N, C-alpha and C. Protein backbone atom coordinates (compact mmCIF):
# COMPACT_ATOMS: atom_id res chain seq x y z
N MET A 1 61.94 -50.61 0.64
CA MET A 1 61.66 -49.77 1.14
C MET A 1 60.54 -49.55 1.76
N ALA A 2 60.06 -48.84 0.36
CA ALA A 2 59.18 -47.39 0.29
C ALA A 2 57.20 -48.56 0.77
N ALA A 3 57.76 -50.11 0.20
CA ALA A 3 56.84 -50.47 0.59
C ALA A 3 56.67 -51.03 2.11
N ARG A 4 57.18 -51.27 2.79
CA ARG A 4 57.39 -51.08 4.22
C ARG A 4 56.76 -49.87 4.96
N VAL A 5 56.66 -48.58 4.22
CA VAL A 5 57.04 -47.24 4.94
C VAL A 5 54.88 -47.24 4.90
N ILE A 6 54.66 -47.96 3.64
CA ILE A 6 52.96 -47.97 3.06
C ILE A 6 52.03 -48.39 4.19
N ARG A 7 52.74 -49.96 4.66
CA ARG A 7 52.77 -50.70 5.32
C ARG A 7 52.06 -50.29 6.95
N LEU A 8 53.10 -49.88 7.00
CA LEU A 8 53.14 -49.10 8.58
C LEU A 8 52.15 -47.83 8.21
N ILE A 9 51.76 -46.83 7.76
CA ILE A 9 51.40 -46.14 7.91
C ILE A 9 49.56 -46.46 7.87
N GLY A 10 49.85 -47.67 6.88
CA GLY A 10 48.58 -48.17 6.75
C GLY A 10 47.99 -48.85 8.25
N THR A 11 48.83 -49.20 8.60
CA THR A 11 48.96 -49.92 10.54
C THR A 11 48.45 -49.37 11.37
N VAL A 12 49.15 -47.84 11.01
CA VAL A 12 49.03 -46.80 12.07
C VAL A 12 47.80 -46.27 12.10
N PHE A 13 47.18 -45.67 10.96
CA PHE A 13 45.67 -45.22 10.67
C PHE A 13 44.88 -46.30 11.45
N ALA A 14 45.18 -47.73 10.89
CA ALA A 14 44.16 -49.04 11.43
C ALA A 14 44.15 -48.58 12.51
N ALA A 15 45.13 -48.51 13.62
CA ALA A 15 45.70 -48.41 15.28
C ALA A 15 44.83 -47.60 15.55
N PHE A 16 44.65 -46.34 15.14
CA PHE A 16 44.21 -45.71 15.65
C PHE A 16 42.87 -45.53 15.45
N GLU A 17 42.26 -46.47 14.22
CA GLU A 17 40.72 -46.69 14.80
C GLU A 17 40.55 -47.88 15.44
N VAL A 18 41.13 -49.09 15.82
CA VAL A 18 41.05 -49.57 16.76
C VAL A 18 41.22 -49.73 18.19
N LEU A 19 41.91 -48.69 18.29
CA LEU A 19 42.37 -47.83 19.98
C LEU A 19 41.12 -46.82 20.09
N TYR A 20 39.89 -46.41 19.67
CA TYR A 20 38.86 -45.81 19.50
C TYR A 20 37.63 -46.00 19.93
N ILE A 21 37.78 -47.90 19.01
CA ILE A 21 36.96 -48.42 19.14
C ILE A 21 36.98 -48.67 20.83
N LEU A 22 37.91 -49.58 21.04
CA LEU A 22 38.42 -50.11 22.37
C LEU A 22 37.86 -49.09 23.31
N LEU A 23 38.60 -48.45 23.31
CA LEU A 23 37.89 -46.61 24.46
C LEU A 23 36.36 -46.89 24.26
N VAL A 24 35.77 -46.50 23.20
CA VAL A 24 34.20 -46.32 22.98
C VAL A 24 33.32 -47.64 23.97
N LEU A 25 34.23 -49.02 23.85
CA LEU A 25 33.75 -49.92 24.03
C LEU A 25 33.50 -50.50 25.45
N PHE A 26 34.56 -50.05 25.74
CA PHE A 26 35.29 -49.57 27.28
C PHE A 26 34.80 -48.96 28.05
N ASN A 27 34.43 -47.65 27.42
CA ASN A 27 33.44 -46.66 28.48
C ASN A 27 34.53 -45.85 28.89
N ALA A 28 35.50 -45.50 28.43
CA ALA A 28 36.36 -44.72 28.59
C ALA A 28 35.71 -43.09 28.62
N ASN A 29 36.34 -42.01 29.43
CA ASN A 29 36.11 -40.62 29.92
C ASN A 29 35.93 -40.10 28.25
N PRO A 30 34.99 -39.42 27.86
CA PRO A 30 35.23 -38.67 26.79
C PRO A 30 35.78 -37.12 27.33
N ASP A 31 35.64 -36.97 27.67
CA ASP A 31 36.32 -35.96 28.62
C ASP A 31 37.89 -35.46 28.80
N ASN A 32 38.44 -36.92 29.02
CA ASN A 32 39.93 -37.08 29.13
C ASN A 32 40.60 -36.37 28.03
N PRO A 33 41.72 -35.84 28.08
CA PRO A 33 42.39 -35.86 26.70
C PRO A 33 43.08 -36.45 25.82
N PHE A 34 42.88 -37.61 27.09
CA PHE A 34 43.54 -38.74 25.70
C PHE A 34 42.31 -39.23 24.54
N PHE A 35 41.80 -39.53 25.17
CA PHE A 35 40.42 -40.20 24.38
C PHE A 35 40.01 -39.09 23.50
N VAL A 36 40.19 -37.44 23.91
CA VAL A 36 39.69 -36.65 22.92
C VAL A 36 40.74 -36.65 22.00
N LEU A 37 42.34 -37.40 21.87
CA LEU A 37 43.36 -36.69 21.21
C LEU A 37 42.85 -38.33 19.78
N VAL A 38 42.40 -39.34 21.01
CA VAL A 38 42.82 -40.05 20.07
C VAL A 38 41.19 -40.20 18.93
N ARG A 39 39.98 -39.82 19.49
CA ARG A 39 39.03 -38.87 18.62
C ARG A 39 39.47 -38.46 17.63
N GLN A 40 39.81 -37.08 17.84
CA GLN A 40 40.08 -36.23 17.26
C GLN A 40 41.26 -37.05 15.81
N LEU A 41 42.46 -37.94 16.10
CA LEU A 41 42.73 -38.01 15.03
C LEU A 41 41.89 -39.43 13.91
N ALA A 42 41.67 -40.43 15.27
CA ALA A 42 40.89 -41.58 14.54
C ALA A 42 39.69 -40.71 13.37
N GLU A 43 38.60 -39.54 14.48
CA GLU A 43 37.58 -39.05 13.12
C GLU A 43 38.11 -38.98 11.58
N PRO A 44 38.89 -38.21 11.20
CA PRO A 44 39.25 -37.87 9.84
C PRO A 44 39.69 -39.17 9.22
N LEU A 45 40.57 -39.87 9.61
CA LEU A 45 41.01 -41.38 8.81
C LEU A 45 39.63 -41.91 8.98
N ALA A 46 38.47 -42.25 9.44
CA ALA A 46 37.75 -42.71 9.14
C ALA A 46 36.80 -42.66 7.62
N LEU A 47 37.66 -41.45 7.20
CA LEU A 47 36.61 -41.14 6.27
C LEU A 47 35.16 -41.06 5.67
N TRP A 48 34.49 -41.71 4.99
CA TRP A 48 32.95 -42.19 4.91
C TRP A 48 32.31 -42.75 5.96
N PHE A 49 33.26 -43.54 6.52
CA PHE A 49 32.21 -44.45 6.80
C PHE A 49 31.61 -44.48 8.69
N PRO A 50 31.92 -42.95 9.31
CA PRO A 50 30.73 -43.19 10.61
C PRO A 50 29.66 -42.92 9.77
N GLY A 51 28.76 -42.87 10.30
CA GLY A 51 27.68 -43.25 10.33
C GLY A 51 27.31 -44.32 8.93
N LEU A 52 27.72 -44.33 8.19
CA LEU A 52 27.45 -45.57 6.98
C LEU A 52 26.12 -46.75 7.49
N PHE A 53 26.76 -47.11 8.84
CA PHE A 53 25.50 -48.15 8.99
C PHE A 53 25.25 -47.55 10.62
N GLN A 54 24.11 -47.29 10.93
CA GLN A 54 23.25 -47.52 12.18
C GLN A 54 22.50 -48.38 12.70
N LEU A 55 23.11 -48.96 13.51
CA LEU A 55 22.37 -49.86 14.20
C LEU A 55 21.87 -50.05 15.17
N GLY A 56 21.39 -49.08 16.26
CA GLY A 56 20.89 -48.37 17.23
C GLY A 56 21.44 -48.52 18.83
N SER A 57 22.53 -48.37 18.62
CA SER A 57 23.66 -48.52 19.35
C SER A 57 25.00 -47.90 19.43
N GLN A 58 24.88 -46.78 19.81
CA GLN A 58 26.47 -46.03 19.69
C GLN A 58 27.65 -46.77 19.73
N PRO A 59 28.43 -48.00 20.81
CA PRO A 59 29.10 -48.39 20.85
C PRO A 59 29.89 -49.28 19.58
N LEU A 60 27.75 -50.34 19.59
CA LEU A 60 27.77 -50.93 17.94
C LEU A 60 28.55 -50.29 16.60
N ASP A 61 27.29 -48.77 16.76
CA ASP A 61 28.14 -48.29 15.41
C ASP A 61 29.52 -48.08 15.71
N VAL A 62 30.04 -47.27 16.55
CA VAL A 62 31.43 -47.12 16.44
C VAL A 62 32.13 -48.59 16.06
N LEU A 63 32.00 -49.74 16.61
CA LEU A 63 32.22 -50.74 15.99
C LEU A 63 32.57 -51.17 15.03
N VAL A 64 31.28 -51.14 13.81
CA VAL A 64 31.30 -51.40 12.86
C VAL A 64 31.74 -50.22 11.73
N ASN A 65 31.71 -49.21 11.86
CA ASN A 65 32.08 -47.85 10.96
C ASN A 65 33.68 -48.06 11.16
N TYR A 66 33.95 -47.96 12.61
CA TYR A 66 35.20 -47.62 12.37
C TYR A 66 36.32 -48.98 12.27
N GLY A 67 35.53 -49.95 12.09
CA GLY A 67 36.31 -50.97 12.66
C GLY A 67 36.51 -51.31 10.74
N LEU A 68 35.48 -51.07 9.91
CA LEU A 68 35.33 -50.91 8.80
C LEU A 68 36.44 -50.02 7.76
N ALA A 69 36.82 -48.83 8.59
CA ALA A 69 37.50 -47.87 8.27
C ALA A 69 39.30 -48.40 8.11
N ALA A 70 39.21 -49.16 9.54
CA ALA A 70 40.93 -50.22 10.14
C ALA A 70 40.88 -50.99 8.99
N VAL A 71 40.06 -52.24 8.59
CA VAL A 71 40.00 -52.84 7.28
C VAL A 71 40.54 -52.06 5.74
N PHE A 72 39.73 -51.16 6.11
CA PHE A 72 39.93 -50.61 4.61
C PHE A 72 41.12 -50.26 4.43
N TRP A 73 41.98 -48.94 5.79
CA TRP A 73 44.01 -48.60 5.71
C TRP A 73 44.81 -50.07 5.23
N LEU A 74 43.91 -51.01 6.24
CA LEU A 74 45.24 -52.00 6.35
C LEU A 74 44.62 -52.51 4.34
N LEU A 75 43.90 -53.02 4.00
CA LEU A 75 43.49 -53.77 2.91
C LEU A 75 44.50 -52.63 1.54
N VAL A 76 44.10 -51.15 1.79
CA VAL A 76 44.78 -50.13 0.64
C VAL A 76 45.93 -50.42 0.70
N ALA A 77 46.61 -50.07 1.87
CA ALA A 77 48.03 -49.84 2.65
C ALA A 77 48.56 -51.34 1.57
N GLY A 78 47.95 -52.14 2.13
CA GLY A 78 48.57 -53.67 1.36
C GLY A 78 48.74 -53.75 -0.04
N LEU A 79 47.71 -53.34 -0.69
CA LEU A 79 47.79 -53.27 -2.33
C LEU A 79 48.84 -52.04 -2.52
N LEU A 80 48.47 -51.00 -1.94
CA LEU A 80 49.36 -50.14 -2.43
C LEU A 80 51.26 -50.27 -2.13
N ALA A 81 51.50 -51.29 -1.23
CA ALA A 81 52.92 -51.53 -1.13
C ALA A 81 52.97 -52.88 -1.80
N ARG A 82 51.95 -53.40 -2.21
CA ARG A 82 52.17 -54.19 -3.42
C ARG A 82 52.74 -53.84 -4.53
N VAL A 83 51.77 -52.63 -4.90
CA VAL A 83 51.90 -52.14 -6.75
C VAL A 83 53.71 -51.76 -6.29
N VAL A 84 54.09 -50.91 -5.11
CA VAL A 84 54.93 -50.37 -5.48
C VAL A 84 56.01 -51.10 -5.47
N SER A 85 56.19 -52.72 -4.44
CA SER A 85 57.04 -53.30 -4.49
C SER A 85 57.10 -54.20 -5.71
N ARG A 86 56.08 -54.17 -6.47
CA ARG A 86 56.42 -54.26 -7.86
C ARG A 86 57.33 -53.86 -9.28
N ARG A 87 56.98 -52.84 -8.73
CA ARG A 87 57.99 -51.90 -9.37
C ARG A 87 59.57 -51.70 -9.54
N HIS A 88 59.53 -52.11 -7.78
CA HIS A 88 61.17 -51.96 -7.79
C HIS A 88 61.71 -53.07 -7.99
């Protein structure tokens, strides 16, 4: 049960990152309250990844950096879930 919860949390964190990426790539209105909410959730969850790669295009930067954050959350949650499931 604990492993499922950990995986779910990691998946939700990654989903916020992916949703933010999609909103940026499809040129969503940055003043829209939904966009603001998603950005406010995605930025702290991206940890140290924003600005890691500066590729010269804001949408490409967001895709790469926030995409790495999404992969990070999936990997960390998967590893933690595996550790927790082996202990029980």
